[in-house]
Amino acid sequence: MGSETKRAGVRDIVAIGASAGGIEAILKILGELSADFPASVFVVIHLSPESKSVLPEIIFRKTGFRAVHPENNQRVETGVVYLAPPDYHMTVHEGRIAVEKGPRENRHRPAIDPLFRSVAVSYGSRAIGIILTGSLDDGTAGLQAIKMCGGIAIVQHPEDALFPGMPENALRSVDVDHCVPMAKISGLLKELVGERVEAKNGADCNMPALDAKAKPKTMTPREMMSKLGPPSGFVCPECNGPLWELNEGKTTHFRCLVGHQFSPESFLVEETEALERSLWVAAKTLEERVTLLNRLAAKATSVGQTTTATSFRQKADESEEHVEVIRKMIGRLQS
C-alpha cells in the first residue's frame, strides 16, 4: 500500500460513482476484492451535506479495505479507498487529491463528474470508471471523458440497479465497454486491474478542455465568450447568471460564470423546482387576495355599499378560480 508510482501503462485507477442505493453496491463490490487490491479506488456517493459520514469505518469493518475521507493535497496511494467527504468535491491532479467546496455540479457536492474528468485527465488509459445505481445523469459526462481518454467504462446493468436512472443515462450517451450486473463487477475488476495498457491517451481526448473542466474556476464574461462563444440564453438556477452550453461527444452540459454545472436532466429538475416554487408563491398571493377581497366585501355590505360589495366578491371568486388552476399545474409538475 505504498505511495502511488508512475507505472505508466498499468491499469491501476478505479473511479466509482453512485447515488441512491450506492452504499450497498460499493460494499458488495469491495467485499469481493482483497484488501491488497493493486489499485487506488476513488468513490463519490451523493451524501447529504449535513450528514457526518461514517463510511470509512463501515467499509473497513465490512471489507478490510483502508478507507478514508482524504485531506486536501493528500498523495494518492495504492490499495486505499478514497471517499469524497460530504459537501466537498474530490478530484485528482498529478498524483495528489484536491478536496474543495467549489460550485455544486448537477445539483450535488460532491458530484461524480468532477472526479471522473480529473481521473481522465490525470490517468488516461490507466483509469476505469464505474457508474452504479442512482437517479438522473450525474457521472455520464465524466464517464464519457474517461472513455475518450483511453480508459475503461463500466456501467451496472439498469435492470440490476435499485435506481436505474444513472446507468440508463450513461448507456445512452457513452460507448461503454461493459454493462454487467453488480455481482460481476468485482470479477471484472480483477481481470482489468494490473493489465498493461498503452500509456497514451485516447485519440478523442481533448486534454486542455477536460483539464479546464476538471479544475473549474470563476471566469469573466469576456473569458467565457472567448472560450465558449455566446451564452445559451438560459439562466443558472443557482446564481441567476448566464449559462453556456457545452457539447462533448454525445453529452451536453451547461456552465455559468461562477462554475456551477448542470447535465440536461439535473438542469430540467432545477428548472421544474424553480417553477414550482414560483407557482406556490403565486397561489399564496392569490389566496391572500381572496381573503382581503372577501373582507372588503363584508365591510362594504355592513355600510350598505351593495354594488361595491358585489364587485369585491366577483373579484374574489375569479381569484379563487386562478388558485385552483395554479394548484392543478403544480400537481402536474409533481406527477
Protein backbone atom coordinates (compact mmCIF):
# COMPACT_ATOMS: atom_id res chain seq x y z
CA MET A 1 0.00 0.00 0.00
CA GLY A 2 2.86 2.35 -0.71
CA SER A 3 2.72 5.70 -2.41
CA GLU A 4 1.50 5.86 -5.95
CA THR A 5 4.19 5.15 -8.51
CA LYS A 6 4.32 6.40 -12.07
CA ARG A 7 3.57 2.99 -13.57
CA ALA A 8 2.59 4.32 -16.97
CA GLY A 9 0.91 1.57 -18.89
CA VAL A 10 -0.52 -0.30 -15.87
CA ARG A 11 -4.25 -0.04 -15.23
CA ASP A 12 -4.45 0.85 -11.52
CA ILE A 13 -7.04 3.61 -11.02
CA VAL A 14 -10.70 2.86 -10.29
CA ALA A 15 -13.29 5.67 -10.04
CA ILE A 16 -16.81 4.76 -8.86
CA GLY A 17 -19.89 6.97 -8.88
CA ALA A 18 -23.19 6.11 -7.20
CA SER A 19 -26.25 7.74 -5.69
CA ALA A 20 -29.37 6.16 -4.18
CA GLY A 21 -28.63 2.56 -3.21
CA GLY A 22 -24.93 3.06 -3.81
CA ILE A 23 -23.55 2.24 -0.38
CA GLU A 24 -24.79 -1.35 -0.51
CA ALA A 25 -23.46 -1.75 -4.06
CA ILE A 26 -19.99 -0.47 -3.17
CA LEU A 27 -19.79 -2.67 -0.08
CA LYS A 28 -20.71 -5.66 -2.23
CA ILE A 29 -18.03 -4.91 -4.84
CA LEU A 30 -15.24 -4.14 -2.35
CA GLY A 31 -16.21 -7.10 -0.20
CA GLU A 32 -15.32 -9.44 -3.05
CA LEU A 33 -11.88 -7.87 -3.60
CA SER A 34 -8.81 -8.44 -1.42
CA ALA A 35 -7.58 -5.59 0.76
CA ASP A 36 -4.24 -5.66 -1.12
CA PHE A 37 -6.04 -4.92 -4.40
CA PRO A 38 -3.37 -3.27 -6.61
CA ALA A 39 -5.28 -0.09 -7.44
CA SER A 40 -6.33 3.23 -5.95
CA VAL A 41 -10.12 3.43 -5.64
CA PHE A 42 -11.96 6.75 -5.68
CA VAL A 43 -15.63 6.84 -4.71
CA VAL A 44 -18.27 9.57 -4.93
CA ILE A 45 -21.66 8.89 -3.39
CA HIS A 46 -24.26 11.64 -3.21
CA LEU A 47 -24.44 12.41 0.51
CA SER A 48 -26.38 14.98 2.48
CA PRO A 49 -24.08 17.95 3.22
CA GLU A 50 -25.33 17.94 6.82
CA SER A 51 -24.54 14.28 7.45
CA LYS A 52 -21.49 13.06 9.34
CA SER A 53 -20.14 10.26 7.20
CA VAL A 54 -19.01 7.05 8.87
CA LEU A 55 -18.44 5.32 5.53
CA PRO A 56 -14.68 4.85 6.03
CA GLU A 57 -15.31 2.88 9.23
CA ILE A 58 -18.11 0.85 7.63
CA ILE A 59 -16.01 -0.04 4.59
CA PHE A 60 -13.04 -1.08 6.73
CA ARG A 61 -15.23 -3.18 9.01
CA LYS A 62 -17.14 -4.86 6.16
CA THR A 63 -14.36 -5.28 3.58
CA GLY A 64 -10.96 -4.87 5.23
CA PHE A 65 -10.03 -2.03 2.88
CA ARG A 66 -8.32 1.02 4.29
CA ALA A 67 -10.85 3.76 3.51
CA VAL A 68 -10.52 7.49 4.18
CA HIS A 69 -12.04 10.87 3.54
CA PRO A 70 -8.84 12.41 2.15
CA GLU A 71 -7.32 15.72 3.16
CA ASN A 72 -6.66 18.36 0.53
CA ASN A 73 -3.35 17.74 -1.31
CA GLN A 74 -3.06 14.20 0.07
CA ARG A 75 -0.88 11.90 -2.02
CA VAL A 76 -2.56 9.01 -3.85
CA GLU A 77 -1.64 5.54 -2.56
CA THR A 78 -2.33 2.09 -3.96
CA GLY A 79 -4.73 -0.12 -2.04
CA VAL A 80 -6.67 2.75 -0.47
CA VAL A 81 -10.33 3.66 -0.96
CA TYR A 82 -10.78 7.43 -1.12
CA LEU A 83 -14.30 8.67 -0.36
CA ALA A 84 -15.43 12.18 -1.23
CA PRO A 85 -16.37 13.92 2.06
CA PRO A 86 -19.90 15.30 2.46
CA ASP A 87 -20.29 18.77 0.88
CA TYR A 88 -16.85 18.64 -0.82
CA HIS A 89 -15.81 17.80 -4.36
CA MET A 90 -12.94 15.33 -4.68
CA THR A 91 -10.64 15.45 -7.72
CA VAL A 92 -7.19 14.07 -8.56
CA HIS A 93 -4.34 16.03 -10.12
CA GLU A 94 -0.78 14.78 -10.74
CA GLY A 95 -0.92 12.12 -8.03
CA ARG A 96 -2.49 14.33 -5.38
CA ILE A 97 -6.10 14.68 -4.26
CA ALA A 98 -7.91 18.00 -4.17
CA VAL A 99 -10.75 18.33 -1.65
CA GLU A 100 -12.59 21.61 -2.17
CA LYS A 101 -16.02 23.16 -1.71
CA GLY A 102 -16.32 24.51 -5.23
CA PRO A 103 -19.59 25.23 -7.07
CA ARG A 104 -22.18 22.46 -6.99
CA GLU A 105 -22.43 20.36 -10.13
CA ASN A 106 -25.57 18.52 -11.24
CA ARG A 107 -27.14 19.80 -8.01
CA HIS A 108 -24.59 17.88 -5.93
CA ARG A 109 -21.44 18.42 -3.90
CA PRO A 110 -19.72 16.02 -4.04
CA ALA A 111 -20.55 15.27 -7.66
CA ILE A 112 -19.34 12.38 -9.78
CA ASP A 113 -18.43 14.22 -12.98
CA PRO A 114 -15.63 16.38 -11.47
CA LEU A 115 -13.87 13.27 -10.12
CA PHE A 116 -14.25 11.34 -13.36
CA ARG A 117 -12.99 14.22 -15.51
CA SER A 118 -9.93 14.71 -13.31
CA VAL A 119 -9.19 10.96 -13.43
CA ALA A 120 -9.47 11.05 -17.23
CA VAL A 121 -7.00 13.95 -17.44
CA SER A 122 -4.53 12.58 -14.87
CA TYR A 123 -4.51 8.89 -15.76
CA GLY A 124 -5.89 8.37 -19.27
CA SER A 125 -5.80 4.69 -20.22
CA ARG A 126 -4.87 3.64 -16.66
CA ALA A 127 -8.35 4.55 -15.44
CA ILE A 128 -11.55 2.54 -15.00
CA GLY A 129 -14.80 4.43 -14.49
CA ILE A 130 -17.86 2.73 -12.99
CA ILE A 131 -21.43 4.05 -12.80
CA LEU A 132 -23.69 2.32 -10.28
CA THR A 133 -27.28 2.74 -9.11
CA GLY A 134 -28.74 6.24 -8.88
CA SER A 135 -31.20 8.72 -10.32
CA LEU A 136 -30.76 11.34 -13.08
CA ASP A 137 -27.47 11.56 -15.00
CA ASP A 138 -24.56 12.69 -12.84
CA GLY A 139 -21.49 10.75 -13.97
CA THR A 140 -22.44 10.43 -17.64
CA ALA A 141 -20.23 13.28 -18.89
CA GLY A 142 -17.37 12.16 -16.65
CA LEU A 143 -17.60 8.56 -17.86
CA GLN A 144 -17.53 9.88 -21.42
CA ALA A 145 -14.31 11.74 -20.57
CA ILE A 146 -12.68 8.59 -19.18
CA LYS A 147 -13.67 6.67 -22.29
CA MET A 148 -12.43 9.42 -24.65
CA CYS A 149 -9.08 9.50 -22.85
CA GLY A 150 -8.49 5.77 -23.33
CA GLY A 151 -9.92 4.40 -20.08
CA ILE A 152 -12.46 1.64 -19.48
CA ALA A 153 -16.15 2.46 -18.97
CA ILE A 154 -18.28 0.08 -16.86
CA VAL A 155 -21.99 0.51 -16.09
CA GLN A 156 -24.15 -1.54 -13.75
CA HIS A 157 -26.96 -3.13 -15.77
CA PRO A 158 -30.09 -0.96 -15.27
CA GLU A 159 -32.28 -4.00 -14.60
CA ASP A 160 -29.94 -4.91 -11.75
CA ALA A 161 -29.81 -1.39 -10.27
CA LEU A 162 -32.03 -0.32 -7.39
CA PHE A 163 -32.36 3.05 -9.16
CA PRO A 164 -31.68 2.66 -12.91
CA GLY A 165 -31.57 6.35 -13.93
CA MET A 166 -27.79 6.88 -13.82
CA PRO A 167 -26.94 3.60 -15.58
CA GLU A 168 -29.57 4.22 -18.27
CA ASN A 169 -28.32 7.74 -18.99
CA ALA A 170 -24.70 6.55 -19.16
CA LEU A 171 -25.64 3.80 -21.62
CA ARG A 172 -27.49 6.27 -23.84
CA SER A 173 -24.55 8.65 -24.15
CA VAL A 174 -21.36 6.61 -23.68
CA ASP A 175 -19.99 3.73 -25.73
CA VAL A 176 -19.38 1.63 -22.61
CA ASP A 177 -17.04 -1.34 -22.55
CA HIS A 178 -19.01 -3.44 -20.07
CA CYS A 179 -22.64 -3.36 -18.89
CA VAL A 180 -22.95 -6.05 -16.22
CA PRO A 181 -24.89 -6.88 -13.03
CA MET A 182 -23.29 -5.68 -9.82
CA ALA A 183 -22.35 -9.27 -8.88
CA LYS A 184 -19.94 -9.42 -11.85
CA ILE A 185 -18.18 -6.08 -11.37
CA SER A 186 -15.61 -7.29 -8.82
CA GLY A 187 -14.62 -10.21 -11.06
CA LEU A 188 -14.28 -7.80 -13.97
CA LEU A 189 -12.03 -5.53 -11.92
CA LYS A 190 -9.79 -8.48 -11.02
CA GLU A 191 -9.32 -9.10 -14.74
CA LEU A 192 -8.75 -5.47 -15.74
CA VAL A 193 -6.61 -4.05 -12.91
CA GLY A 194 -2.93 -4.66 -13.38
CA GLU A 195 -3.14 -5.12 -17.15
CA ARG A 196 -0.53 -3.32 -19.16
CA VAL A 197 -2.01 -0.67 -21.45
CA GLU A 198 -0.65 1.92 -23.82
CA ALA A 199 0.39 4.99 -21.88
CA LYS A 200 -1.01 7.40 -24.46
CA ASN A 201 -4.47 8.91 -24.06
CA GLY A 202 -7.35 8.20 -26.40
CA ALA A 203 -7.30 9.93 -29.78
CA ASP A 204 -10.52 11.84 -28.96
CA CYS A 205 -9.25 13.15 -25.62
CA ASN A 206 -9.36 16.96 -25.64
CA MET A 207 -6.96 17.38 -22.74
CA PRO A 208 -6.98 21.22 -22.48
CA ALA A 209 -10.78 21.35 -22.48
CA LEU A 210 -11.13 18.49 -19.99
CA ASP A 211 -8.44 19.95 -17.76
CA ALA A 212 -10.31 23.27 -17.66
CA LYS A 213 -13.48 21.44 -16.64
CA ALA A 214 -11.63 19.31 -14.11
CA LYS A 215 -10.38 22.50 -12.41
CA PRO A 216 -13.43 24.76 -12.55
CA LYS A 217 -12.87 28.41 -11.69
CA THR A 218 -14.81 31.63 -11.84
CA MET A 219 -14.44 33.30 -15.23
CA THR A 220 -15.39 36.72 -16.53
CA PRO A 221 -17.99 37.10 -19.30
CA ARG A 222 -15.14 38.05 -21.66
CA GLU A 223 -13.26 34.83 -20.86
CA MET A 224 -16.37 32.71 -21.29
CA MET A 225 -17.20 34.40 -24.60
CA SER A 226 -13.66 33.86 -25.92
CA LYS A 227 -13.61 30.19 -24.90
CA LEU A 228 -17.21 29.13 -25.50
CA GLY A 229 -18.87 31.75 -27.66
CA PRO A 230 -22.18 33.42 -26.79
CA PRO A 231 -24.27 32.22 -23.82
CA SER A 232 -27.14 29.80 -24.32
CA GLY A 233 -29.92 32.18 -23.30
CA PHE A 234 -30.67 30.09 -20.18
CA VAL A 235 -30.10 31.27 -16.60
CA CYS A 236 -28.21 29.40 -13.87
CA PRO A 237 -30.70 28.13 -11.24
CA GLU A 238 -28.03 28.52 -8.55
CA CYS A 239 -26.84 32.11 -9.07
CA ASN A 240 -29.11 33.54 -11.82
CA GLY A 241 -26.13 34.22 -14.09
CA PRO A 242 -25.98 33.31 -17.80
CA LEU A 243 -25.35 29.68 -18.79
CA TRP A 244 -23.15 28.43 -21.62
CA GLU A 245 -23.90 25.17 -23.41
CA LEU A 246 -21.01 22.73 -23.83
CA ASN A 247 -21.18 19.70 -26.10
CA GLU A 248 -18.74 16.82 -25.94
CA GLY A 249 -19.33 13.64 -27.88
CA LYS A 250 -22.92 12.64 -27.17
CA THR A 251 -23.06 14.55 -23.90
CA THR A 252 -24.23 18.10 -23.23
CA HIS A 253 -23.92 20.20 -20.10
CA PHE A 254 -24.31 23.81 -19.04
CA ARG A 255 -21.88 26.03 -17.12
CA CYS A 256 -22.17 29.52 -15.62
CA LEU A 257 -19.52 32.14 -14.86
CA VAL A 258 -19.20 31.00 -11.24
CA GLY A 259 -18.63 27.37 -12.22
CA HIS A 260 -22.00 25.76 -11.46
CA GLN A 261 -22.51 22.98 -13.99
CA PHE A 262 -25.61 21.04 -14.97
CA SER A 263 -26.30 17.96 -17.03
CA PRO A 264 -29.54 18.19 -19.07
CA GLU A 265 -31.58 16.17 -16.57
CA SER A 266 -30.29 17.99 -13.49
CA PHE A 267 -30.97 21.32 -15.24
CA LEU A 268 -34.54 20.25 -16.00
CA VAL A 269 -35.07 19.21 -12.38
CA GLU A 270 -33.77 22.57 -11.13
CA GLU A 271 -35.98 24.44 -13.61
CA THR A 272 -39.02 22.40 -12.56
CA GLU A 273 -38.37 23.04 -8.87
CA ALA A 274 -37.90 26.77 -9.53
CA LEU A 275 -41.17 26.85 -11.46
CA GLU A 276 -42.97 25.00 -8.68
CA ARG A 277 -41.66 27.47 -6.07
CA SER A 278 -42.86 30.39 -8.20
CA LEU A 279 -46.29 28.82 -8.62
CA TRP A 280 -46.64 28.26 -4.86
CA VAL A 281 -45.78 31.93 -4.27
CA ALA A 282 -48.40 32.92 -6.85
CA ALA A 283 -51.01 30.67 -5.22
CA LYS A 284 -50.26 32.07 -1.76
CA THR A 285 -50.51 35.65 -3.04
CA LEU A 286 -53.83 34.94 -4.73
CA GLU A 287 -55.19 33.28 -1.58
CA GLU A 288 -54.28 36.39 0.42
CA ARG A 289 -56.03 38.44 -2.27
CA VAL A 290 -59.18 36.31 -1.86
CA THR A 291 -59.13 36.86 1.92
CA LEU A 292 -58.69 40.61 1.50
CA LEU A 293 -61.42 40.93 -1.13
CA ASN A 294 -63.91 38.96 0.98
CA ARG A 295 -63.08 41.13 4.00
CA LEU A 296 -63.59 44.29 1.93
CA ALA A 297 -66.88 42.88 0.57
CA ALA A 298 -68.11 42.23 4.10
CA LYS A 299 -67.19 45.73 5.20
CA ALA A 300 -68.90 47.26 2.15
CA THR A 301 -72.04 45.24 2.89
CA SER A 302 -72.08 46.41 6.51
CA VAL A 303 -72.25 50.06 5.41
CA GLY A 304 -74.78 49.47 2.67
CA GLN A 305 -72.44 49.67 -0.35
CA THR A 306 -74.09 46.77 -2.20
CA THR A 307 -72.59 47.45 -5.64
CA THR A 308 -69.06 47.72 -4.25
CA ALA A 309 -69.53 44.54 -2.19
CA THR A 310 -70.70 42.63 -5.27
CA SER A 311 -67.64 43.80 -7.23
CA PHE A 312 -65.30 42.67 -4.46
CA ARG A 313 -66.97 39.22 -4.27
CA GLN A 314 -66.73 38.75 -8.06
CA LYS A 315 -63.01 39.53 -7.95
CA ALA A 316 -62.59 37.12 -5.02
CA ASP A 317 -64.35 34.36 -6.99
CA GLU A 318 -62.09 34.99 -10.00
CA SER A 319 -59.00 34.82 -7.80
CA GLU A 320 -60.20 31.52 -6.29
CA GLU A 321 -60.55 30.09 -9.81
CA HIS A 322 -56.98 31.20 -10.57
CA VAL A 323 -55.74 29.50 -7.39
CA GLU A 324 -57.39 26.25 -8.48
CA VAL A 325 -55.75 26.47 -11.92
CA ILE A 326 -52.33 27.02 -10.33
CA ARG A 327 -52.78 24.09 -7.92
CA LYS A 328 -53.63 21.82 -10.85
CA MET A 329 -50.47 22.99 -12.64
CA ILE A 330 -48.39 22.20 -9.55
CA GLY A 331 -49.98 18.76 -9.37
CA ARG A 332 -48.97 18.06 -12.98
CA LEU A 333 -45.40 19.16 -12.28
CA GLN A 334 -45.21 16.81 -9.31
CA SER A 335 -46.67 13.80 -11.12
